[in-house]
Amino acid sequence: MDEDDEPTSSRSVQDGPDEVDDVSVVYEEEEPTFPRIVQFRLGRSTVSAAAEAPYDGEHPHVFRVTVLRGVWERRFAAFLSKLPGRVRAWIRGMWPGWFLPATVVLKKWKRDWDDEFDEERDAYDTLKPLQGDLIPVFYGKTRCEGTRALVLSDADGVAACRQGMPPLPPEEFRRRVETVYRKLGALGFSFHDANLGHILLTRDGGAMLVDLESAFRAEPEDLELEASGAIDQFARQYRLYLNGLELDGLIGRGRHDRDREFWRLHYARLRGTAARPRMPTAPRREHGEGVLLDEQGDSADEIVDDWVR
């Protein structure tokens, strides 16, 4: 590590090592392999860790690592944890790597995502009161394998779109998302990317938010409107997710699943792989140019519009 990468005394521990301004020339052209050993620095600490697999199985630039410590290193870390608070804080400020948990997450910079990377780092700093509760703990920024990276805690939760069966009821999911936006709004922030992979369902009945590159500071008069729209969008995505589980036979039919085969054909039509679906049972009557109505007099498109609402 070059001398320029050493933190100055005026920088906080979370700032970590200084970084090269032009990082666009540093990029891994080949897909990284797993498992592998990586090294990174926090403050004056050099941390070795084992990277086993991408964090969510899809994005290789975000991966969980296990900090490698020998017997004596583990004993020394245990000794540090028993020191008086002021002494421990001073050591943590110089060598924060000794105080990392056994497992952390590294999120590396991606090509053409300079602004998003910086915005996410700044969001973690601004939302520090929510770290460990609503968002992961931010241990600092570093360099790993020649690329900038964020060092984050391994959140104890599962993405809403990867949860076990049976899934969370939609009403409970919405309640958790509303709690997330209420806490964000208390600090003047909102979040605009309604991706179910960004919401982690935690064991304590709450939720955590990840990928803070989509977090932004909103004007006070716009906070309520921003939150309301985002919550509705998350709820819509979640109901679509549940409907997919129903179509796959993983959960029972919801009240909007009028006929399983009808829905399969409907989505096949949307994908362009099937002709317009027909209800398996004879329609009561026809309306317009061949638009079939169900027993309640709703057309197929009206049923879909009613469901997604």
C-alpha atoms as a PDB file:
ATOM      1  CA  MET A   1       0.000   0.000   0.000  1.00  0.00           C
ATOM      2  CA  ASP A   2       1.408   3.380  -1.050  1.00  0.00           C
ATOM      3  CA  GLU A   3       1.963   6.118   1.491  1.00  0.00           C
ATOM      4  CA  ASP A   4      -0.710   8.168  -0.271  1.00  0.00           C
ATOM      5  CA  ASP A   5      -3.259   5.551   0.772  1.00  0.00           C
ATOM      6  CA  GLU A   6      -2.634   6.123   4.485  1.00  0.00           C
ATOM      7  CA  PRO A   7      -5.403   8.076   6.227  1.00  0.00           C
ATOM      8  CA  THR A   8      -4.540  11.474   7.603  1.00  0.00           C
ATOM      9  CA  SER A   9      -5.190  12.335  11.224  1.00  0.00           C
ATOM     10  CA  SER A  10      -7.991  14.722  10.203  1.00  0.00           C
ATOM     11  CA  ARG A  11     -10.035  11.998   8.484  1.00  0.00           C
ATOM     12  CA  SER A  12     -12.533   9.826  10.315  1.00  0.00           C
ATOM     13  CA  VAL A  13     -12.084   6.082  10.600  1.00  0.00           C
ATOM     14  CA  GLN A  14     -15.045   5.547   8.307  1.00  0.00           C
ATOM     15  CA  ASP A  15     -13.354   7.543   5.588  1.00  0.00           C
ATOM     16  CA  GLY A  16     -10.682   4.852   5.442  1.00  0.00           C
ATOM     17  CA  PRO A  17      -7.726   5.250   3.072  1.00  0.00           C
ATOM     18  CA  ASP A  18      -7.532   8.092   0.581  1.00  0.00           C
ATOM     19  CA  GLU A  19      -8.403   7.134  -2.956  1.00  0.00           C
ATOM     20  CA  VAL A  20      -7.281   7.925  -6.474  1.00  0.00           C
ATOM     21  CA  ASP A  21      -9.633  10.431  -8.101  1.00  0.00           C
ATOM     22  CA  ASP A  22      -9.647   8.762 -11.507  1.00  0.00           C
ATOM     23  CA  VAL A  23     -10.735   5.201 -10.886  1.00  0.00           C
ATOM     24  CA  SER A  24     -12.339   4.598 -14.250  1.00  0.00           C
ATOM     25  CA  VAL A  25      -9.134   2.991 -15.492  1.00  0.00           C
ATOM     26  CA  VAL A  26      -9.309   0.336 -12.795  1.00  0.00           C
ATOM     27  CA  TYR A  27     -11.790  -2.368 -13.684  1.00  0.00           C
ATOM     28  CA  GLU A  28     -11.894  -6.132 -13.706  1.00  0.00           C
ATOM     29  CA  GLU A  29     -12.664  -7.134 -17.275  1.00  0.00           C
ATOM     30  CA  GLU A  30     -13.016 -10.815 -16.383  1.00  0.00           C
ATOM     31  CA  GLU A  31     -15.671 -12.220 -14.097  1.00  0.00           C
ATOM     32  CA  PRO A  32     -14.174 -12.806 -10.632  1.00  0.00           C
ATOM     33  CA  THR A  33     -13.822 -16.359  -9.443  1.00  0.00           C
ATOM     34  CA  PHE A  34     -15.127 -17.786  -6.196  1.00  0.00           C
ATOM     35  CA  PRO A  35     -13.885 -18.804  -3.726  1.00  0.00           C
ATOM     36  CA  ARG A  36     -10.755 -16.662  -3.488  1.00  0.00           C
ATOM     37  CA  ILE A  37      -8.649 -14.791  -0.924  1.00  0.00           C
ATOM     38  CA  VAL A  38      -8.828 -10.984  -0.888  1.00  0.00           C
ATOM     39  CA  GLN A  39      -7.071  -8.261   1.097  1.00  0.00           C
ATOM     40  CA  PHE A  40      -8.161  -4.747   1.948  1.00  0.00           C
ATOM     41  CA  ARG A  41      -7.161  -1.984   4.333  1.00  0.00           C
ATOM     42  CA  LEU A  42      -9.133  -0.107   6.957  1.00  0.00           C
ATOM     43  CA  GLY A  43      -7.172   2.685   8.579  1.00  0.00           C
ATOM     44  CA  ARG A  44      -3.772   1.124   9.330  1.00  0.00           C
ATOM     45  CA  SER A  45      -5.198  -2.412   9.380  1.00  0.00           C
ATOM     46  CA  THR A  46      -4.620  -4.925   6.602  1.00  0.00           C
ATOM     47  CA  VAL A  47      -7.428  -7.461   6.529  1.00  0.00           C
ATOM     48  CA  SER A  48      -7.258 -10.844   4.803  1.00  0.00           C
ATOM     49  CA  ALA A  49     -10.541 -12.549   4.048  1.00  0.00           C
ATOM     50  CA  ALA A  50     -12.064 -15.435   2.103  1.00  0.00           C
ATOM     51  CA  ALA A  51     -14.629 -14.448  -0.536  1.00  0.00           C
ATOM     52  CA  GLU A  52     -16.911 -17.424  -1.063  1.00  0.00           C
ATOM     53  CA  ALA A  53     -19.692 -16.291  -3.400  1.00  0.00           C
ATOM     54  CA  PRO A  54     -21.636 -13.222  -4.579  1.00  0.00           C
ATOM     55  CA  TYR A  55     -23.860 -11.852  -1.832  1.00  0.00           C
ATOM     56  CA  ASP A  56     -27.140 -12.449  -3.672  1.00  0.00           C
ATOM     57  CA  GLY A  57     -25.888 -14.943  -6.243  1.00  0.00           C
ATOM     58  CA  GLU A  58     -26.228 -12.445  -9.104  1.00  0.00           C
ATOM     59  CA  HIS A  59     -23.901  -9.474  -8.584  1.00  0.00           C
ATOM     60  CA  PRO A  60     -20.232 -10.506  -8.345  1.00  0.00           C
ATOM     61  CA  HIS A  61     -19.167  -7.004  -7.265  1.00  0.00           C
ATOM     62  CA  VAL A  62     -21.013  -7.504  -3.952  1.00  0.00           C
ATOM     63  CA  PHE A  63     -19.807 -10.461  -1.918  1.00  0.00           C
ATOM     64  CA  ARG A  64     -19.687 -11.763   1.617  1.00  0.00           C
ATOM     65  CA  VAL A  65     -16.232 -12.394   3.056  1.00  0.00           C
ATOM     66  CA  THR A  66     -15.018 -14.232   6.156  1.00  0.00           C
ATOM     67  CA  VAL A  67     -12.209 -12.442   7.976  1.00  0.00           C
ATOM     68  CA  LEU A  68      -9.205 -14.752   8.350  1.00  0.00           C
ATOM     69  CA  ARG A  69      -7.609 -14.737  11.788  1.00  0.00           C
ATOM     70  CA  GLY A  70      -5.217 -17.197  13.354  1.00  0.00           C
ATOM     71  CA  VAL A  71      -5.431 -18.430  16.927  1.00  0.00           C
ATOM     72  CA  TRP A  72      -3.264 -15.641  18.340  1.00  0.00           C
ATOM     73  CA  GLU A  73      -5.055 -13.001  16.295  1.00  0.00           C
ATOM     74  CA  ARG A  74      -8.401 -14.140  17.663  1.00  0.00           C
ATOM     75  CA  ARG A  75      -7.030 -14.021  21.192  1.00  0.00           C
ATOM     76  CA  PHE A  76      -5.638 -10.537  20.641  1.00  0.00           C
ATOM     77  CA  ALA A  77      -8.983  -9.324  19.229  1.00  0.00           C
ATOM     78  CA  ALA A  78     -10.720 -10.768  22.306  1.00  0.00           C
ATOM     79  CA  PHE A  79      -8.201  -8.958  24.537  1.00  0.00           C
ATOM     80  CA  LEU A  80      -8.883  -5.640  22.759  1.00  0.00           C
ATOM     81  CA  SER A  81     -12.614  -6.006  23.346  1.00  0.00           C
ATOM     82  CA  LYS A  82     -12.012  -6.052  27.124  1.00  0.00           C
ATOM     83  CA  LEU A  83     -10.016  -2.819  27.282  1.00  0.00           C
ATOM     84  CA  PRO A  84     -11.515   0.374  28.751  1.00  0.00           C
ATOM     85  CA  GLY A  85     -13.789   2.275  26.396  1.00  0.00           C
ATOM     86  CA  ARG A  86     -11.472   5.216  25.703  1.00  0.00           C
ATOM     87  CA  VAL A  87      -8.491   2.990  25.005  1.00  0.00           C
ATOM     88  CA  ARG A  88     -10.559   0.733  22.803  1.00  0.00           C
ATOM     89  CA  ALA A  89     -11.928   3.719  20.868  1.00  0.00           C
ATOM     90  CA  TRP A  90      -8.412   5.055  20.235  1.00  0.00           C
ATOM     91  CA  ILE A  91      -7.190   1.690  18.958  1.00  0.00           C
ATOM     92  CA  ARG A  92     -10.304   1.294  16.824  1.00  0.00           C
ATOM     93  CA  GLY A  93      -9.600   4.691  15.276  1.00  0.00           C
ATOM     94  CA  MET A  94      -6.113   3.570  14.225  1.00  0.00           C
ATOM     95  CA  TRP A  95      -6.626  -0.140  13.502  1.00  0.00           C
ATOM     96  CA  PRO A  96     -10.356  -0.687  12.887  1.00  0.00           C
ATOM     97  CA  GLY A  97      -9.732  -4.021  11.200  1.00  0.00           C
ATOM     98  CA  TRP A  98      -9.227  -5.644  14.599  1.00  0.00           C
ATOM     99  CA  PHE A  99     -12.816  -4.833  15.514  1.00  0.00           C
ATOM    100  CA  LEU A 100     -14.548  -6.193  12.409  1.00  0.00           C
ATOM    101  CA  PRO A 101     -17.028  -9.053  12.945  1.00  0.00           C
ATOM    102  CA  ALA A 102     -16.187 -12.489  11.568  1.00  0.00           C
ATOM    103  CA  THR A 103     -18.193 -11.838   8.384  1.00  0.00           C
ATOM    104  CA  VAL A 104     -18.615  -8.607   6.420  1.00  0.00           C
ATOM    105  CA  VAL A 105     -19.810  -7.612   2.958  1.00  0.00           C
ATOM    106  CA  LEU A 106     -17.650  -5.880   0.352  1.00  0.00           C
ATOM    107  CA  LYS A 107     -19.406  -3.809  -2.292  1.00  0.00           C
ATOM    108  CA  LYS A 108     -16.997  -2.836  -5.053  1.00  0.00           C
ATOM    109  CA  TRP A 109     -17.235   0.054  -7.467  1.00  0.00           C
ATOM    110  CA  LYS A 110     -18.691  -0.710 -10.922  1.00  0.00           C
ATOM    111  CA  ARG A 111     -17.714   0.856 -14.207  1.00  0.00           C
ATOM    112  CA  ASP A 112     -19.685   4.043 -15.018  1.00  0.00           C
ATOM    113  CA  TRP A 113     -21.183   4.066 -11.521  1.00  0.00           C
ATOM    114  CA  ASP A 114     -18.918   6.705  -9.979  1.00  0.00           C
ATOM    115  CA  ASP A 115     -21.725   9.031  -8.929  1.00  0.00           C
ATOM    116  CA  GLU A 116     -23.836   6.205  -7.522  1.00  0.00           C
ATOM    117  CA  PHE A 117     -20.883   4.851  -5.547  1.00  0.00           C
ATOM    118  CA  ASP A 118     -20.148   8.249  -4.004  1.00  0.00           C
ATOM    119  CA  GLU A 119     -23.827   8.905  -3.293  1.00  0.00           C
ATOM    120  CA  GLU A 120     -24.184   5.568  -1.510  1.00  0.00           C
ATOM    121  CA  ARG A 121     -21.108   6.244   0.622  1.00  0.00           C
ATOM    122  CA  ASP A 122     -22.438   9.687   1.520  1.00  0.00           C
ATOM    123  CA  ALA A 123     -25.866   8.223   2.321  1.00  0.00           C
ATOM    124  CA  TYR A 124     -24.329   5.828   4.829  1.00  0.00           C
ATOM    125  CA  ASP A 125     -22.579   8.736   6.526  1.00  0.00           C
ATOM    126  CA  THR A 126     -25.726  10.868   6.650  1.00  0.00           C
ATOM    127  CA  LEU A 127     -27.947   8.001   7.819  1.00  0.00           C
ATOM    128  CA  LYS A 128     -25.510   6.845  10.492  1.00  0.00           C
ATOM    129  CA  PRO A 129     -28.224   6.869  13.238  1.00  0.00           C
ATOM    130  CA  LEU A 130     -30.032   4.146  11.274  1.00  0.00           C
ATOM    131  CA  GLN A 131     -27.022   1.865  10.836  1.00  0.00           C
ATOM    132  CA  GLY A 132     -27.549  -1.575  12.296  1.00  0.00           C
ATOM    133  CA  ASP A 133     -31.308  -1.015  12.449  1.00  0.00           C
ATOM    134  CA  LEU A 134     -32.674   0.104   9.113  1.00  0.00           C
ATOM    135  CA  ILE A 135     -29.483  -0.111   7.030  1.00  0.00           C
ATOM    136  CA  PRO A 136     -26.240  -2.127   7.337  1.00  0.00           C
ATOM    137  CA  VAL A 137     -23.375  -0.818   9.450  1.00  0.00           C
ATOM    138  CA  PHE A 138     -20.834   1.072   7.353  1.00  0.00           C
ATOM    139  CA  TYR A 139     -17.305   0.225   8.523  1.00  0.00           C
ATOM    140  CA  GLY A 140     -15.556   2.384   5.962  1.00  0.00           C
ATOM    141  CA  LYS A 141     -14.336   2.634   2.388  1.00  0.00           C
ATOM    142  CA  THR A 142     -11.294   0.810   1.139  1.00  0.00           C
ATOM    143  CA  ARG A 143      -9.578  -0.612  -1.918  1.00  0.00           C
ATOM    144  CA  CYS A 144      -9.871  -4.271  -2.814  1.00  0.00           C
ATOM    145  CA  GLU A 145      -8.175  -5.846  -5.814  1.00  0.00           C
ATOM    146  CA  GLY A 146      -7.400  -2.409  -7.238  1.00  0.00           C
ATOM    147  CA  THR A 147     -10.984  -1.140  -6.993  1.00  0.00           C
ATOM    148  CA  ARG A 148     -12.771   1.104  -4.525  1.00  0.00           C
ATOM    149  CA  ALA A 149     -15.119  -0.707  -2.176  1.00  0.00           C
ATOM    150  CA  LEU A 150     -17.441  -0.207   0.780  1.00  0.00           C
ATOM    151  CA  VAL A 151     -17.128  -2.425   3.851  1.00  0.00           C
ATOM    152  CA  LEU A 152     -20.573  -3.200   5.283  1.00  0.00           C
ATOM    153  CA  SER A 153     -22.065  -5.432   7.929  1.00  0.00           C
ATOM    154  CA  ASP A 154     -23.664  -8.700   6.900  1.00  0.00           C
ATOM    155  CA  ALA A 155     -27.346  -7.920   7.409  1.00  0.00           C
ATOM    156  CA  ASP A 156     -29.310 -10.570   9.263  1.00  0.00           C
ATOM    157  CA  GLY A 157     -32.170 -10.846   6.812  1.00  0.00           C
ATOM    158  CA  VAL A 158     -33.358 -12.270   3.514  1.00  0.00           C
ATOM    159  CA  ALA A 159     -34.449 -10.388   0.396  1.00  0.00           C
ATOM    160  CA  ALA A 160     -38.219 -10.180   0.051  1.00  0.00           C
ATOM    161  CA  CYS A 161     -38.007 -11.950  -3.313  1.00  0.00           C
ATOM    162  CA  ARG A 162     -35.953 -14.838  -1.864  1.00  0.00           C
ATOM    163  CA  GLN A 163     -37.805 -15.568   1.358  1.00  0.00           C
ATOM    164  CA  GLY A 164     -38.850 -19.030   2.443  1.00  0.00           C
ATOM    165  CA  MET A 165     -42.321 -20.485   2.232  1.00  0.00           C
ATOM    166  CA  PRO A 166     -44.929 -19.510   3.193  1.00  0.00           C
ATOM    167  CA  PRO A 167     -44.203 -15.908   2.180  1.00  0.00           C
ATOM    168  CA  LEU A 168     -44.992 -12.883   4.274  1.00  0.00           C
ATOM    169  CA  PRO A 169     -48.620 -11.741   3.850  1.00  0.00           C
ATOM    170  CA  PRO A 170     -48.885  -8.608   1.668  1.00  0.00           C
ATOM    171  CA  GLU A 171     -50.379  -6.578   4.524  1.00  0.00           C
ATOM    172  CA  GLU A 172     -47.420  -7.361   6.788  1.00  0.00           C
ATOM    173  CA  PHE A 173     -44.942  -6.617   3.987  1.00  0.00           C
ATOM    174  CA  ARG A 174     -46.536  -3.219   3.427  1.00  0.00           C
ATOM    175  CA  ARG A 175     -46.419  -2.486   7.170  1.00  0.00           C
ATOM    176  CA  ARG A 176     -42.671  -3.178   7.226  1.00  0.00           C
ATOM    177  CA  VAL A 177     -42.027  -1.021   4.164  1.00  0.00           C
ATOM    178  CA  GLU A 178     -44.027   1.815   5.712  1.00  0.00           C
ATOM    179  CA  THR A 179     -41.817   1.594   8.810  1.00  0.00           C
ATOM    180  CA  VAL A 180     -38.721   1.842   6.602  1.00  0.00           C
ATOM    181  CA  TYR A 181     -39.978   5.017   4.915  1.00  0.00           C
ATOM    182  CA  ARG A 182     -41.111   6.542   8.192  1.00  0.00           C
ATOM    183  CA  LYS A 183     -37.604   6.185   9.623  1.00  0.00           C
ATOM    184  CA  LEU A 184     -36.010   7.485   6.433  1.00  0.00           C
ATOM    185  CA  GLY A 185     -38.383  10.432   6.362  1.00  0.00           C
ATOM    186  CA  ALA A 186     -37.459  11.396   9.922  1.00  0.00           C
ATOM    187  CA  LEU A 187     -33.988  12.192   8.566  1.00  0.00           C
ATOM    188  CA  GLY A 188     -35.285  13.869   5.409  1.00  0.00           C
ATOM    189  CA  PHE A 189     -34.535  10.955   3.069  1.00  0.00           C
ATOM    190  CA  SER A 190     -36.510   8.784   0.681  1.00  0.00           C
ATOM    191  CA  PHE A 191     -35.727   5.836  -1.617  1.00  0.00           C
ATOM    192  CA  HIS A 192     -36.897   5.538  -5.224  1.00  0.00           C
ATOM    193  CA  ASP A 193     -35.918   2.055  -6.464  1.00  0.00           C
ATOM    194  CA  ALA A 194     -38.814  -0.308  -5.631  1.00  0.00           C
ATOM    195  CA  ASN A 195     -36.870  -3.518  -6.156  1.00  0.00           C
ATOM    196  CA  LEU A 196     -37.771  -6.390  -3.833  1.00  0.00           C
ATOM    197  CA  GLY A 197     -34.087  -7.308  -3.668  1.00  0.00           C
ATOM    198  CA  HIS A 198     -33.463  -4.027  -1.807  1.00  0.00           C
ATOM    199  CA  ILE A 199     -35.736  -4.952   1.108  1.00  0.00           C
ATOM    200  CA  LEU A 200     -34.391  -7.518   3.568  1.00  0.00           C
ATOM    201  CA  LEU A 201     -36.916  -9.136   5.896  1.00  0.00           C
ATOM    202  CA  THR A 202     -35.359  -9.553   9.329  1.00  0.00           C
ATOM    203  CA  ARG A 203     -36.079 -12.102  12.046  1.00  0.00           C
ATOM    204  CA  ASP A 204     -37.210  -9.473  14.522  1.00  0.00           C
ATOM    205  CA  GLY A 205     -40.255  -8.583  12.433  1.00  0.00           C
ATOM    206  CA  GLY A 206     -38.685  -5.605  10.698  1.00  0.00           C
ATOM    207  CA  ALA A 207     -36.940  -4.811   7.438  1.00  0.00           C
ATOM    208  CA  MET A 208     -33.592  -3.440   6.320  1.00  0.00           C
ATOM    209  CA  LEU A 209     -32.787  -1.393   3.249  1.00  0.00           C
ATOM    210  CA  VAL A 210     -29.730  -2.104   1.090  1.00  0.00           C
ATOM    211  CA  ASP A 211     -28.276  -0.535  -2.070  1.00  0.00           C
ATOM    212  CA  LEU A 212     -28.413   3.029  -0.795  1.00  0.00           C
ATOM    213  CA  GLU A 213     -27.317   4.421  -4.148  1.00  0.00           C
ATOM    214  CA  SER A 214     -31.077   4.935  -4.673  1.00  0.00           C
ATOM    215  CA  ALA A 215     -31.503   6.941  -1.454  1.00  0.00           C
ATOM    216  CA  PHE A 216     -31.860  10.692  -1.796  1.00  0.00           C
ATOM    217  CA  ARG A 217     -32.611  13.743   0.305  1.00  0.00           C
ATOM    218  CA  ALA A 218     -36.120  15.001  -0.422  1.00  0.00           C
ATOM    219  CA  GLU A 219     -37.648  18.385   0.139  1.00  0.00           C
ATOM    220  CA  PRO A 220     -39.759  18.419   3.334  1.00  0.00           C
ATOM    221  CA  GLU A 221     -42.926  19.241   1.414  1.00  0.00           C
ATOM    222  CA  ASP A 222     -42.305  16.298  -0.937  1.00  0.00           C
ATOM    223  CA  LEU A 223     -41.450  13.625   1.629  1.00  0.00           C
ATOM    224  CA  GLU A 224     -44.972  12.339   2.185  1.00  0.00           C
ATOM    225  CA  LEU A 225     -45.763  12.150  -1.523  1.00  0.00           C
ATOM    226  CA  GLU A 226     -42.425  10.469  -2.321  1.00  0.00           C
ATOM    227  CA  ALA A 227     -42.922   7.890   0.425  1.00  0.00           C
ATOM    228  CA  SER A 228     -46.525   7.157  -0.525  1.00  0.00           C
ATOM    229  CA  GLY A 229     -45.665   6.525  -4.169  1.00  0.00           C
ATOM    230  CA  ALA A 230     -42.679   4.339  -3.319  1.00  0.00           C
ATOM    231  CA  ILE A 231     -44.648   2.272  -0.780  1.00  0.00           C
ATOM    232  CA  ASP A 232     -47.399   1.669  -3.326  1.00  0.00           C
ATOM    233  CA  GLN A 233     -44.813   0.600  -5.888  1.00  0.00           C
ATOM    234  CA  PHE A 234     -43.193  -1.842  -3.455  1.00  0.00           C
ATOM    235  CA  ALA A 235     -46.631  -3.256  -2.612  1.00  0.00           C
ATOM    236  CA  ARG A 236     -47.412  -3.661  -6.312  1.00  0.00           C
ATOM    237  CA  GLN A 237     -44.133  -5.493  -6.951  1.00  0.00           C
ATOM    238  CA  TYR A 238     -44.742  -7.741  -3.968  1.00  0.00           C
ATOM    239  CA  ARG A 239     -48.220  -8.733  -5.161  1.00  0.00           C
ATOM    240  CA  LEU A 240     -46.790  -9.570  -8.579  1.00  0.00           C
ATOM    241  CA  TYR A 241     -44.187 -11.698  -6.827  1.00  0.00           C
ATOM    242  CA  LEU A 242     -46.887 -13.526  -4.844  1.00  0.00           C
ATOM    243  CA  ASN A 243     -48.911 -14.076  -8.002  1.00  0.00           C
ATOM    244  CA  GLY A 244     -45.881 -15.693  -9.624  1.00  0.00           C
ATOM    245  CA  LEU A 245     -45.622 -18.072  -6.671  1.00  0.00           C
ATOM    246  CA  GLU A 246     -49.296 -18.923  -7.092  1.00  0.00           C
ATOM    247  CA  LEU A 247     -48.857 -19.661 -10.782  1.00  0.00           C
ATOM    248  CA  ASP A 248     -45.934 -21.946  -9.974  1.00  0.00           C
ATOM    249  CA  GLY A 249     -48.044 -23.801  -7.449  1.00  0.00           C
ATOM    250  CA  LEU A 250     -45.800 -22.835  -4.517  1.00  0.00           C
ATOM    251  CA  ILE A 251     -48.622 -21.201  -2.559  1.00  0.00           C
ATOM    252  CA  GLY A 252     -52.420 -21.377  -2.628  1.00  0.00           C
ATOM    253  CA  ARG A 253     -54.572 -19.224  -4.837  1.00  0.00           C
ATOM    254  CA  GLY A 254     -55.135 -15.632  -3.799  1.00  0.00           C
ATOM    255  CA  ARG A 255     -58.534 -14.025  -4.005  1.00  0.00           C
ATOM    256  CA  HIS A 256     -57.649 -12.490  -7.386  1.00  0.00           C
ATOM    257  CA  ASP A 257     -56.526 -15.790  -8.918  1.00  0.00           C
ATOM    258  CA  ARG A 258     -59.831 -16.457 -10.721  1.00  0.00           C
ATOM    259  CA  ASP A 259     -58.457 -19.375 -12.707  1.00  0.00           C
ATOM    260  CA  ARG A 260     -54.879 -20.627 -12.728  1.00  0.00           C
ATOM    261  CA  GLU A 261     -54.820 -21.659 -16.381  1.00  0.00           C
ATOM    262  CA  PHE A 262     -56.339 -18.329 -17.388  1.00  0.00           C
ATOM    263  CA  TRP A 263     -53.499 -16.455 -15.692  1.00  0.00           C
ATOM    264  CA  ARG A 264     -50.857 -18.682 -17.254  1.00  0.00           C
ATOM    265  CA  LEU A 265     -52.252 -17.955 -20.691  1.00  0.00           C
ATOM    266  CA  HIS A 266     -52.612 -14.262 -19.954  1.00  0.00           C
ATOM    267  CA  TYR A 267     -48.947 -13.819 -19.058  1.00  0.00           C
ATOM    268  CA  ALA A 268     -47.940 -15.993 -21.979  1.00  0.00           C
ATOM    269  CA  ARG A 269     -49.824 -13.564 -24.217  1.00  0.00           C
ATOM    270  CA  LEU A 270     -48.017 -10.606 -22.639  1.00  0.00           C
ATOM    271  CA  ARG A 271     -44.717 -12.318 -23.437  1.00  0.00           C
ATOM    272  CA  GLY A 272     -45.879 -12.893 -27.003  1.00  0.00           C
ATOM    273  CA  THR A 273     -45.778 -16.693 -26.732  1.00  0.00           C
ATOM    274  CA  ALA A 274     -49.498 -17.404 -26.862  1.00  0.00           C
ATOM    275  CA  ALA A 275     -52.680 -16.150 -28.443  1.00  0.00           C
ATOM    276  CA  ARG A 276     -55.143 -14.066 -26.451  1.00  0.00           C
ATOM    277  CA  PRO A 277     -56.366 -16.222 -23.535  1.00  0.00           C
ATOM    278  CA  ARG A 278     -59.872 -17.532 -23.277  1.00  0.00           C
ATOM    279  CA  MET A 279     -61.602 -18.385 -20.041  1.00  0.00           C
ATOM    280  CA  PRO A 280     -61.725 -22.179 -19.643  1.00  0.00           C
ATOM    281  CA  THR A 281     -65.418 -21.930 -18.817  1.00  0.00           C
ATOM    282  CA  ALA A 282     -67.924 -20.519 -21.267  1.00  0.00           C
ATOM    283  CA  PRO A 283     -68.271 -16.751 -20.934  1.00  0.00           C
ATOM    284  CA  ARG A 284     -71.586 -15.273 -19.979  1.00  0.00           C
ATOM    285  CA  ARG A 285     -71.541 -12.914 -22.935  1.00  0.00           C
ATOM    286  CA  GLU A 286     -69.258 -11.113 -25.328  1.00  0.00           C
ATOM    287  CA  HIS A 287     -68.466  -7.430 -25.259  1.00  0.00           C
ATOM    288  CA  GLY A 288     -67.011  -5.361 -28.062  1.00  0.00           C
ATOM    289  CA  GLU A 289     -64.767  -7.190 -30.512  1.00  0.00           C
ATOM    290  CA  GLY A 290     -64.327 -10.566 -28.878  1.00  0.00           C
ATOM    291  CA  VAL A 291     -63.417  -9.316 -25.380  1.00  0.00           C
ATOM    292  CA  LEU A 292     -64.631 -12.014 -23.002  1.00  0.00           C
ATOM    293  CA  LEU A 293     -66.121 -11.288 -19.614  1.00  0.00           C
ATOM    294  CA  ASP A 294     -65.920 -13.443 -16.521  1.00  0.00           C
ATOM    295  CA  GLU A 295     -68.844 -14.323 -14.297  1.00  0.00           C
ATOM    296  CA  GLN A 296     -68.735 -10.900 -12.633  1.00  0.00           C
ATOM    297  CA  GLY A 297     -68.706  -9.109 -15.958  1.00  0.00           C
ATOM    298  CA  ASP A 298     -65.034  -8.046 -15.811  1.00  0.00           C
ATOM    299  CA  SER A 299     -62.811  -8.314 -18.873  1.00  0.00           C
ATOM    300  CA  ALA A 300     -59.409 -10.020 -18.693  1.00  0.00           C
ATOM    301  CA  ASP A 301     -57.580  -6.697 -18.770  1.00  0.00           C
ATOM    302  CA  GLU A 302     -59.879  -5.285 -16.073  1.00  0.00           C
ATOM    303  CA  ILE A 303     -59.137  -8.291 -13.907  1.00  0.00           C
ATOM    304  CA  VAL A 304     -55.415  -7.669 -14.284  1.00  0.00           C
ATOM    305  CA  ASP A 305     -55.796  -3.957 -13.563  1.00  0.00           C
ATOM    306  CA  ASP A 306     -57.904  -4.762 -10.476  1.00  0.00           C
ATOM    307  CA  TRP A 307     -55.324  -7.279  -9.259  1.00  0.00           C
ATOM    308  CA  VAL A 308     -52.239  -5.098  -9.551  1.00  0.00           C
ATOM    309  CA  ARG A 309     -54.001  -2.342  -7.623  1.00  0.00           C
END
